[in-house]
Amino acid sequence: MALKGNLRDFTITQLLNLISLAQKTGTLIVEGPNETASVSFREGKLAFAQIGKDDSSLANVLYKANLLTKNQYNIINERGRGMSDKELGLLLINASYISQNDILRSLQELFISNVNRLFTWVEGLFRFENDILPPDDKITVRINLENLIIEGSRRLREWEQLQDEIPSLDMALKFVERPNVNIRDVNLSVEEWRVVSYINPKNSMRQIARANKLNDLEIRRIVYGLLQAGLVEIIRPEGALPVQTWSSPSVQGREKVEKKSIVNRLIQRIRSL
């Protein structure tokens, strides 16, 4: 089965379903607009996932999981230079720093988190390479794809709904004038406050997302909450020229039906093998 194409035609959820059904071993490489992801599988199970240049070293993963203190992290980085993740993991286990289960659980959480990030990617090219596996020095896991696929389907539905509510991230936001409401009295999360601090008619939602390192799904989710609370409204950015785009709903609907039909036929064919 050759897997190669565009995310406009196949979603990440559909790709994982195909890989799981065919019990594929290899690496799915997805080249997005800003980053490239590498997700490896063994016999249809998730083994490894890396996005862009994120630091996936074992020491950093354990530190981010609060299993190492800052001091321990610095010592390990200093004394463990040149060691592979497998060597470092064995050293930490033998020194009773951490257990094998802690290491595997932390890596599983990281890889699942990376795959979940991919569900928001709607543009990019993908290809499946049978002969590419994770680097030998990396620790791999075995995670069934069923739950990931279910979560991916849920995220895809949420993504589609938020896209309907907020079609373009190139629009800006402004606070709604409500005399009896002070935004400082509103109970917001840390991420919501960070977004709020950037709200300005000159800043597009895309710019706000980049400043806060949020992906398209995350920024839309936060903005939707602010819209529902009646705190903000969407406006055209100051100085922006009006841009009109139009596509026939009937054409869009037909394209979706055709793509779904193609994917369903592929899945049925794989199941019959």
C-alpha atoms as a PDB file:
ATOM      1  CA  MET A   1       0.000   0.000   0.000  1.00  0.00           C
ATOM      2  CA  ALA A   2       1.579   3.257  -1.147  1.00  0.00           C
ATOM      3  CA  LEU A   3       0.582   6.189   1.038  1.00  0.00           C
ATOM      4  CA  LYS A   4       1.390   9.539  -0.474  1.00  0.00           C
ATOM      5  CA  GLY A   5      -0.664  12.650  -0.989  1.00  0.00           C
ATOM      6  CA  ASN A   6      -2.095  15.871   0.375  1.00  0.00           C
ATOM      7  CA  LEU A   7      -3.841  16.510   3.704  1.00  0.00           C
ATOM      8  CA  ARG A   8      -6.585  18.261   1.755  1.00  0.00           C
ATOM      9  CA  ASP A   9      -7.576  14.839   0.448  1.00  0.00           C
ATOM     10  CA  PHE A  10      -6.827  12.642   3.491  1.00  0.00           C
ATOM     11  CA  THR A  11      -7.087  13.670   7.129  1.00  0.00           C
ATOM     12  CA  ILE A  12      -4.628  12.442   9.762  1.00  0.00           C
ATOM     13  CA  THR A  13      -7.459  10.383  11.251  1.00  0.00           C
ATOM     14  CA  GLN A  14      -8.002   8.569   7.950  1.00  0.00           C
ATOM     15  CA  LEU A  15      -4.265   7.954   7.546  1.00  0.00           C
ATOM     16  CA  LEU A  16      -3.992   6.424  11.021  1.00  0.00           C
ATOM     17  CA  ASN A  17      -6.983   4.222  10.256  1.00  0.00           C
ATOM     18  CA  LEU A  18      -5.324   2.939   7.078  1.00  0.00           C
ATOM     19  CA  ILE A  19      -2.009   2.305   8.864  1.00  0.00           C
ATOM     20  CA  SER A  20      -3.777   0.462  11.687  1.00  0.00           C
ATOM     21  CA  LEU A  21      -5.878  -1.709   9.357  1.00  0.00           C
ATOM     22  CA  ALA A  22      -2.870  -2.646   7.222  1.00  0.00           C
ATOM     23  CA  GLN A  23      -0.650  -3.128  10.306  1.00  0.00           C
ATOM     24  CA  LYS A  24       2.072  -1.088   8.641  1.00  0.00           C
ATOM     25  CA  THR A  25       5.656  -0.743   9.859  1.00  0.00           C
ATOM     26  CA  GLY A  26       7.508   2.416   8.860  1.00  0.00           C
ATOM     27  CA  THR A  27       7.324   6.179   9.248  1.00  0.00           C
ATOM     28  CA  LEU A  28       4.653   8.650   8.207  1.00  0.00           C
ATOM     29  CA  ILE A  29       6.292  11.951   7.247  1.00  0.00           C
ATOM     30  CA  VAL A  30       4.017  14.999   7.141  1.00  0.00           C
ATOM     31  CA  GLU A  31       5.381  18.267   5.747  1.00  0.00           C
ATOM     32  CA  GLY A  32       3.210  21.062   7.093  1.00  0.00           C
ATOM     33  CA  PRO A  33       3.426  24.783   6.264  1.00  0.00           C
ATOM     34  CA  ASN A  34       5.789  25.468   9.180  1.00  0.00           C
ATOM     35  CA  GLU A  35       6.986  22.119  10.537  1.00  0.00           C
ATOM     36  CA  THR A  36       7.663  18.536   9.516  1.00  0.00           C
ATOM     37  CA  ALA A  37       6.397  15.642  11.601  1.00  0.00           C
ATOM     38  CA  SER A  38       7.754  12.086  11.684  1.00  0.00           C
ATOM     39  CA  VAL A  39       5.504   9.417  13.179  1.00  0.00           C
ATOM     40  CA  SER A  40       6.786   5.841  13.290  1.00  0.00           C
ATOM     41  CA  PHE A  41       4.802   2.619  13.590  1.00  0.00           C
ATOM     42  CA  ARG A  42       5.494  -1.057  14.194  1.00  0.00           C
ATOM     43  CA  GLU A  43       2.856  -3.473  12.951  1.00  0.00           C
ATOM     44  CA  GLY A  44       0.193  -0.775  13.028  1.00  0.00           C
ATOM     45  CA  LYS A  45       1.035   0.505  16.507  1.00  0.00           C
ATOM     46  CA  LEU A  46       2.486   3.929  17.367  1.00  0.00           C
ATOM     47  CA  ALA A  47       6.183   3.659  18.245  1.00  0.00           C
ATOM     48  CA  PHE A  48       7.608   7.190  18.054  1.00  0.00           C
ATOM     49  CA  ALA A  49       6.519  10.727  17.143  1.00  0.00           C
ATOM     50  CA  GLN A  50       8.598  13.840  16.578  1.00  0.00           C
ATOM     51  CA  ILE A  51       7.422  17.273  15.405  1.00  0.00           C
ATOM     52  CA  GLY A  52       9.876  19.800  14.001  1.00  0.00           C
ATOM     53  CA  LYS A  53      12.919  20.500  16.113  1.00  0.00           C
ATOM     54  CA  ASP A  54      11.206  19.939  19.455  1.00  0.00           C
ATOM     55  CA  ASP A  55      13.630  18.619  22.067  1.00  0.00           C
ATOM     56  CA  SER A  56      12.604  14.981  22.474  1.00  0.00           C
ATOM     57  CA  SER A  57      15.689  13.924  24.450  1.00  0.00           C
ATOM     58  CA  LEU A  58      14.875  11.638  27.361  1.00  0.00           C
ATOM     59  CA  ALA A  59      16.274  14.084  29.920  1.00  0.00           C
ATOM     60  CA  ASN A  60      14.033  16.887  28.633  1.00  0.00           C
ATOM     61  CA  VAL A  61      10.981  14.623  28.455  1.00  0.00           C
ATOM     62  CA  LEU A  62      11.439  13.532  32.083  1.00  0.00           C
ATOM     63  CA  TYR A  63      12.052  17.110  33.205  1.00  0.00           C
ATOM     64  CA  LYS A  64       8.902  18.345  31.443  1.00  0.00           C
ATOM     65  CA  ALA A  65       6.987  15.491  33.112  1.00  0.00           C
ATOM     66  CA  ASN A  66       8.218  16.743  36.529  1.00  0.00           C
ATOM     67  CA  LEU A  67      10.097  13.508  37.120  1.00  0.00           C
ATOM     68  CA  LEU A  68      13.436  15.314  37.344  1.00  0.00           C
ATOM     69  CA  THR A  69      14.240  18.478  39.239  1.00  0.00           C
ATOM     70  CA  LYS A  70      15.998  21.346  37.498  1.00  0.00           C
ATOM     71  CA  ASN A  71      19.206  20.476  39.330  1.00  0.00           C
ATOM     72  CA  GLN A  72      18.971  16.797  38.340  1.00  0.00           C
ATOM     73  CA  TYR A  73      18.269  17.797  34.756  1.00  0.00           C
ATOM     74  CA  ASN A  74      21.359  20.033  34.645  1.00  0.00           C
ATOM     75  CA  ILE A  75      23.576  17.326  36.187  1.00  0.00           C
ATOM     76  CA  ILE A  76      22.318  14.689  33.724  1.00  0.00           C
ATOM     77  CA  ASN A  77      22.885  17.009  30.780  1.00  0.00           C
ATOM     78  CA  GLU A  78      26.409  17.711  31.964  1.00  0.00           C
ATOM     79  CA  ARG A  79      27.460  14.165  32.833  1.00  0.00           C
ATOM     80  CA  GLY A  80      25.410  12.393  30.178  1.00  0.00           C
ATOM     81  CA  ARG A  81      26.839  14.135  27.131  1.00  0.00           C
ATOM     82  CA  GLY A  82      27.199  11.716  24.249  1.00  0.00           C
ATOM     83  CA  MET A  83      24.930   9.107  25.829  1.00  0.00           C
ATOM     84  CA  SER A  84      21.972   7.764  23.899  1.00  0.00           C
ATOM     85  CA  ASP A  85      18.476   7.844  25.384  1.00  0.00           C
ATOM     86  CA  LYS A  86      18.627   4.079  25.886  1.00  0.00           C
ATOM     87  CA  GLU A  87      21.927   4.330  27.749  1.00  0.00           C
ATOM     88  CA  LEU A  88      20.688   7.238  29.848  1.00  0.00           C
ATOM     89  CA  GLY A  89      17.441   5.472  30.660  1.00  0.00           C
ATOM     90  CA  LEU A  90      19.282   2.359  31.856  1.00  0.00           C
ATOM     91  CA  LEU A  91      21.638   4.510  33.941  1.00  0.00           C
ATOM     92  CA  LEU A  92      18.739   6.353  35.616  1.00  0.00           C
ATOM     93  CA  ILE A  93      16.915   3.094  36.367  1.00  0.00           C
ATOM     94  CA  ASN A  94      20.029   1.449  37.865  1.00  0.00           C
ATOM     95  CA  ALA A  95      20.719   4.568  39.939  1.00  0.00           C
ATOM     96  CA  SER A  96      17.122   4.457  41.248  1.00  0.00           C
ATOM     97  CA  TYR A  97      16.454   7.944  39.885  1.00  0.00           C
ATOM     98  CA  ILE A  98      13.365   6.715  38.097  1.00  0.00           C
ATOM     99  CA  SER A  99      11.506   3.543  37.129  1.00  0.00           C
ATOM    100  CA  GLN A 100      11.127   1.942  33.723  1.00  0.00           C
ATOM    101  CA  ASN A 101       7.358   2.486  33.896  1.00  0.00           C
ATOM    102  CA  ASP A 102       7.893   6.203  34.528  1.00  0.00           C
ATOM    103  CA  ILE A 103      10.105   6.461  31.441  1.00  0.00           C
ATOM    104  CA  LEU A 104       7.675   4.586  29.196  1.00  0.00           C
ATOM    105  CA  ARG A 105       4.653   6.503  30.496  1.00  0.00           C
ATOM    106  CA  SER A 106       6.372   9.868  29.916  1.00  0.00           C
ATOM    107  CA  LEU A 107       7.340   8.922  26.361  1.00  0.00           C
ATOM    108  CA  GLN A 108       3.842   7.613  25.613  1.00  0.00           C
ATOM    109  CA  GLU A 109       2.326  10.909  26.775  1.00  0.00           C
ATOM    110  CA  LEU A 110       4.757  12.873  24.584  1.00  0.00           C
ATOM    111  CA  PHE A 111       4.143  10.783  21.468  1.00  0.00           C
ATOM    112  CA  ILE A 112       0.359  10.867  21.929  1.00  0.00           C
ATOM    113  CA  SER A 113       0.509  14.634  22.435  1.00  0.00           C
ATOM    114  CA  ASN A 114       2.509  15.033  19.212  1.00  0.00           C
ATOM    115  CA  VAL A 115       0.027  12.946  17.234  1.00  0.00           C
ATOM    116  CA  ASN A 116      -2.874  14.933  18.717  1.00  0.00           C
ATOM    117  CA  ARG A 117      -1.218  18.119  17.438  1.00  0.00           C
ATOM    118  CA  LEU A 118      -1.268  16.650  13.942  1.00  0.00           C
ATOM    119  CA  PHE A 119      -5.056  16.405  13.933  1.00  0.00           C
ATOM    120  CA  THR A 120      -5.227  20.190  13.515  1.00  0.00           C
ATOM    121  CA  TRP A 121      -3.029  20.120  10.398  1.00  0.00           C
ATOM    122  CA  VAL A 122      -5.243  20.653   7.367  1.00  0.00           C
ATOM    123  CA  GLU A 123      -2.540  21.578   4.863  1.00  0.00           C
ATOM    124  CA  GLY A 124       0.626  19.741   3.907  1.00  0.00           C
ATOM    125  CA  LEU A 125       2.049  16.784   2.043  1.00  0.00           C
ATOM    126  CA  PHE A 126       2.442  13.302   3.477  1.00  0.00           C
ATOM    127  CA  ARG A 127       4.220  10.111   2.541  1.00  0.00           C
ATOM    128  CA  PHE A 128       4.718   6.751   4.233  1.00  0.00           C
ATOM    129  CA  GLU A 129       8.242   5.326   4.131  1.00  0.00           C
ATOM    130  CA  ASN A 130       8.441   1.591   4.835  1.00  0.00           C
ATOM    131  CA  ASP A 131      12.216   1.591   5.271  1.00  0.00           C
ATOM    132  CA  ILE A 132      12.469   4.485   7.745  1.00  0.00           C
ATOM    133  CA  LEU A 133      12.352   3.649  11.462  1.00  0.00           C
ATOM    134  CA  PRO A 134      13.098   5.717  14.597  1.00  0.00           C
ATOM    135  CA  PRO A 135      16.788   6.394  15.339  1.00  0.00           C
ATOM    136  CA  ASP A 136      18.475   3.452  17.074  1.00  0.00           C
ATOM    137  CA  ASP A 137      19.344   5.559  20.124  1.00  0.00           C
ATOM    138  CA  LYS A 138      15.694   6.445  20.820  1.00  0.00           C
ATOM    139  CA  ILE A 139      13.379   4.523  23.139  1.00  0.00           C
ATOM    140  CA  THR A 140      10.218   3.400  21.372  1.00  0.00           C
ATOM    141  CA  VAL A 141       6.808   2.323  22.671  1.00  0.00           C
ATOM    142  CA  ARG A 142       3.808   0.336  21.417  1.00  0.00           C
ATOM    143  CA  ILE A 143       0.501   2.208  21.523  1.00  0.00           C
ATOM    144  CA  ASN A 144      -2.727   0.957  19.953  1.00  0.00           C
ATOM    145  CA  LEU A 145      -4.188   3.452  17.493  1.00  0.00           C
ATOM    146  CA  GLU A 146      -7.864   2.867  18.255  1.00  0.00           C
ATOM    147  CA  ASN A 147      -8.140   5.462  21.026  1.00  0.00           C
ATOM    148  CA  LEU A 148      -6.017   7.921  19.063  1.00  0.00           C
ATOM    149  CA  ILE A 149      -8.325   7.555  16.070  1.00  0.00           C
ATOM    150  CA  ILE A 150     -11.406   8.147  18.245  1.00  0.00           C
ATOM    151  CA  GLU A 151      -9.791  11.243  19.756  1.00  0.00           C
ATOM    152  CA  GLY A 152      -8.768  12.387  16.296  1.00  0.00           C
ATOM    153  CA  SER A 153     -12.348  12.067  15.041  1.00  0.00           C
ATOM    154  CA  ARG A 154     -13.580  14.141  17.979  1.00  0.00           C
ATOM    155  CA  ARG A 155     -10.948  16.812  17.352  1.00  0.00           C
ATOM    156  CA  LEU A 156     -11.784  16.846  13.642  1.00  0.00           C
ATOM    157  CA  ARG A 157     -15.467  17.469  14.376  1.00  0.00           C
ATOM    158  CA  GLU A 158     -14.553  20.243  16.803  1.00  0.00           C
ATOM    159  CA  TRP A 159     -12.173  21.706  14.227  1.00  0.00           C
ATOM    160  CA  GLU A 160     -14.872  21.763  11.546  1.00  0.00           C
ATOM    161  CA  GLN A 161     -17.358  23.429  13.911  1.00  0.00           C
ATOM    162  CA  LEU A 162     -14.840  26.080  14.959  1.00  0.00           C
ATOM    163  CA  GLN A 163     -13.930  26.717  11.326  1.00  0.00           C
ATOM    164  CA  ASP A 164     -17.600  27.406  10.610  1.00  0.00           C
ATOM    165  CA  GLU A 165     -17.735  29.872  13.513  1.00  0.00           C
ATOM    166  CA  ILE A 166     -14.327  31.469  12.811  1.00  0.00           C
ATOM    167  CA  PRO A 167     -13.551  30.953   9.089  1.00  0.00           C
ATOM    168  CA  SER A 168     -10.426  33.153   8.916  1.00  0.00           C
ATOM    169  CA  LEU A 169      -7.643  33.780  11.408  1.00  0.00           C
ATOM    170  CA  ASP A 170      -6.588  36.830   9.424  1.00  0.00           C
ATOM    171  CA  MET A 171      -9.370  38.836  11.081  1.00  0.00           C
ATOM    172  CA  ALA A 172      -8.780  40.858  14.258  1.00  0.00           C
ATOM    173  CA  LEU A 173     -10.611  41.166  17.565  1.00  0.00           C
ATOM    174  CA  LYS A 174     -11.836  44.049  19.644  1.00  0.00           C
ATOM    175  CA  PHE A 175     -13.450  44.221  23.044  1.00  0.00           C
ATOM    176  CA  VAL A 176     -17.204  44.677  23.159  1.00  0.00           C
ATOM    177  CA  GLU A 177     -18.265  47.803  25.017  1.00  0.00           C
ATOM    178  CA  ARG A 178     -20.207  46.616  28.042  1.00  0.00           C
ATOM    179  CA  PRO A 179     -20.456  49.334  30.710  1.00  0.00           C
ATOM    180  CA  ASN A 180     -21.274  46.938  33.545  1.00  0.00           C
ATOM    181  CA  VAL A 181     -18.530  44.401  32.759  1.00  0.00           C
ATOM    182  CA  ASN A 182     -14.848  44.747  33.666  1.00  0.00           C
ATOM    183  CA  ILE A 183     -12.740  42.108  31.947  1.00  0.00           C
ATOM    184  CA  ARG A 184     -10.414  42.045  34.963  1.00  0.00           C
ATOM    185  CA  ASP A 185     -13.298  40.566  36.945  1.00  0.00           C
ATOM    186  CA  VAL A 186     -13.840  37.735  34.450  1.00  0.00           C
ATOM    187  CA  ASN A 187     -12.487  34.292  35.378  1.00  0.00           C
ATOM    188  CA  LEU A 188     -10.143  33.317  32.524  1.00  0.00           C
ATOM    189  CA  SER A 189      -7.424  30.674  32.194  1.00  0.00           C
ATOM    190  CA  VAL A 190      -3.748  31.587  31.860  1.00  0.00           C
ATOM    191  CA  GLU A 191      -3.824  30.949  28.089  1.00  0.00           C
ATOM    192  CA  GLU A 192      -6.993  33.030  27.704  1.00  0.00           C
ATOM    193  CA  TRP A 193      -5.387  35.942  29.568  1.00  0.00           C
ATOM    194  CA  ARG A 194      -2.359  35.746  27.279  1.00  0.00           C
ATOM    195  CA  VAL A 195      -4.608  35.946  24.229  1.00  0.00           C
ATOM    196  CA  VAL A 196      -6.598  38.803  25.767  1.00  0.00           C
ATOM    197  CA  SER A 197      -3.381  40.785  26.348  1.00  0.00           C
ATOM    198  CA  TYR A 198      -2.745  40.813  22.579  1.00  0.00           C
ATOM    199  CA  ILE A 199      -6.249  41.822  21.498  1.00  0.00           C
ATOM    200  CA  ASN A 200      -5.933  44.943  19.366  1.00  0.00           C
ATOM    201  CA  PRO A 201      -7.574  46.014  16.079  1.00  0.00           C
ATOM    202  CA  LYS A 202      -4.109  45.867  14.508  1.00  0.00           C
ATOM    203  CA  ASN A 203      -3.384  42.273  15.549  1.00  0.00           C
ATOM    204  CA  SER A 204      -4.919  39.423  13.568  1.00  0.00           C
ATOM    205  CA  MET A 205      -5.870  36.214  15.346  1.00  0.00           C
ATOM    206  CA  ARG A 206      -3.086  34.474  13.421  1.00  0.00           C
ATOM    207  CA  GLN A 207      -0.537  36.925  14.836  1.00  0.00           C
ATOM    208  CA  ILE A 208      -1.926  36.440  18.339  1.00  0.00           C
ATOM    209  CA  ALA A 209      -1.645  32.661  17.937  1.00  0.00           C
ATOM    210  CA  ARG A 210       1.984  32.875  16.828  1.00  0.00           C
ATOM    211  CA  ALA A 211       2.867  35.206  19.703  1.00  0.00           C
ATOM    212  CA  ASN A 212       1.416  32.695  22.167  1.00  0.00           C
ATOM    213  CA  LYS A 213       2.651  29.551  20.336  1.00  0.00           C
ATOM    214  CA  LEU A 214      -0.904  28.300  19.822  1.00  0.00           C
ATOM    215  CA  ASN A 215      -1.993  26.150  16.889  1.00  0.00           C
ATOM    216  CA  ASP A 216      -5.055  26.945  14.773  1.00  0.00           C
ATOM    217  CA  LEU A 217      -7.384  24.756  16.844  1.00  0.00           C
ATOM    218  CA  GLU A 218      -6.233  26.215  20.161  1.00  0.00           C
ATOM    219  CA  ILE A 219      -6.611  29.867  19.106  1.00  0.00           C
ATOM    220  CA  ARG A 220     -10.035  29.215  17.587  1.00  0.00           C
ATOM    221  CA  ARG A 221     -11.149  27.412  20.757  1.00  0.00           C
ATOM    222  CA  ILE A 222     -10.117  30.336  22.967  1.00  0.00           C
ATOM    223  CA  VAL A 223     -11.591  32.984  20.663  1.00  0.00           C
ATOM    224  CA  TYR A 224     -14.854  31.042  20.406  1.00  0.00           C
ATOM    225  CA  GLY A 225     -15.123  31.039  24.201  1.00  0.00           C
ATOM    226  CA  LEU A 226     -14.538  34.792  24.320  1.00  0.00           C
ATOM    227  CA  LEU A 227     -17.152  35.314  21.597  1.00  0.00           C
ATOM    228  CA  GLN A 228     -19.717  33.191  23.417  1.00  0.00           C
ATOM    229  CA  ALA A 229     -19.069  35.162  26.605  1.00  0.00           C
ATOM    230  CA  GLY A 230     -19.811  38.359  24.696  1.00  0.00           C
ATOM    231  CA  LEU A 231     -16.402  39.829  25.534  1.00  0.00           C
ATOM    232  CA  VAL A 232     -15.054  40.323  21.995  1.00  0.00           C
ATOM    233  CA  GLU A 233     -16.191  40.648  18.411  1.00  0.00           C
ATOM    234  CA  ILE A 234     -14.447  39.899  15.120  1.00  0.00           C
ATOM    235  CA  ILE A 235     -13.429  42.848  12.947  1.00  0.00           C
ATOM    236  CA  ARG A 236     -11.246  43.472   9.918  1.00  0.00           C
ATOM    237  CA  PRO A 237      -7.674  44.409  10.957  1.00  0.00           C
ATOM    238  CA  GLU A 238      -6.883  48.111  10.764  1.00  0.00           C
ATOM    239  CA  GLY A 239      -5.333  48.979   7.389  1.00  0.00           C
ATOM    240  CA  ALA A 240      -6.305  45.662   5.781  1.00  0.00           C
ATOM    241  CA  LEU A 241      -7.823  45.698   2.307  1.00  0.00           C
ATOM    242  CA  PRO A 242     -11.130  43.853   1.856  1.00  0.00           C
ATOM    243  CA  VAL A 243     -10.636  40.427   0.333  1.00  0.00           C
ATOM    244  CA  GLN A 244     -13.565  38.555  -1.183  1.00  0.00           C
ATOM    245  CA  THR A 245     -13.466  34.814  -1.652  1.00  0.00           C
ATOM    246  CA  TRP A 246     -16.413  32.722  -2.785  1.00  0.00           C
ATOM    247  CA  SER A 247     -16.944  29.096  -3.511  1.00  0.00           C
ATOM    248  CA  SER A 248     -20.183  27.414  -4.441  1.00  0.00           C
ATOM    249  CA  PRO A 249     -21.613  25.421  -1.488  1.00  0.00           C
ATOM    250  CA  SER A 250     -22.819  22.769  -3.922  1.00  0.00           C
ATOM    251  CA  VAL A 251     -19.289  22.342  -5.326  1.00  0.00           C
ATOM    252  CA  GLN A 252     -17.788  22.140  -1.826  1.00  0.00           C
ATOM    253  CA  GLY A 253     -20.355  19.564  -0.794  1.00  0.00           C
ATOM    254  CA  ARG A 254     -19.757  17.469  -3.897  1.00  0.00           C
ATOM    255  CA  GLU A 255     -15.991  17.508  -3.339  1.00  0.00           C
ATOM    256  CA  LYS A 256     -16.424  16.332   0.269  1.00  0.00           C
ATOM    257  CA  VAL A 257     -18.697  13.467  -0.832  1.00  0.00           C
ATOM    258  CA  GLU A 258     -16.240  12.402  -3.546  1.00  0.00           C
ATOM    259  CA  LYS A 259     -13.257  12.456  -1.151  1.00  0.00           C
ATOM    260  CA  LYS A 260     -15.194  10.478   1.466  1.00  0.00           C
ATOM    261  CA  SER A 261     -16.181   7.917  -1.153  1.00  0.00           C
ATOM    262  CA  ILE A 262     -12.553   7.432  -2.245  1.00  0.00           C
ATOM    263  CA  VAL A 263     -11.367   6.983   1.347  1.00  0.00           C
ATOM    264  CA  ASN A 264     -14.156   4.530   2.161  1.00  0.00           C
ATOM    265  CA  ARG A 265     -13.280   2.432  -0.902  1.00  0.00           C
ATOM    266  CA  LEU A 266      -9.620   2.336   0.168  1.00  0.00           C
ATOM    267  CA  ILE A 267     -10.533   1.244   3.684  1.00  0.00           C
ATOM    268  CA  GLN A 268     -12.872  -1.468   2.396  1.00  0.00           C
ATOM    269  CA  ARG A 269     -10.130  -2.730   0.058  1.00  0.00           C
ATOM    270  CA  ILE A 270      -7.592  -2.933   2.885  1.00  0.00           C
ATOM    271  CA  ARG A 271     -10.046  -4.776   5.112  1.00  0.00           C
ATOM    272  CA  SER A 272     -10.568  -7.371   2.385  1.00  0.00           C
ATOM    273  CA  LEU A 273      -6.805  -8.106   2.053  1.00  0.00           C
END
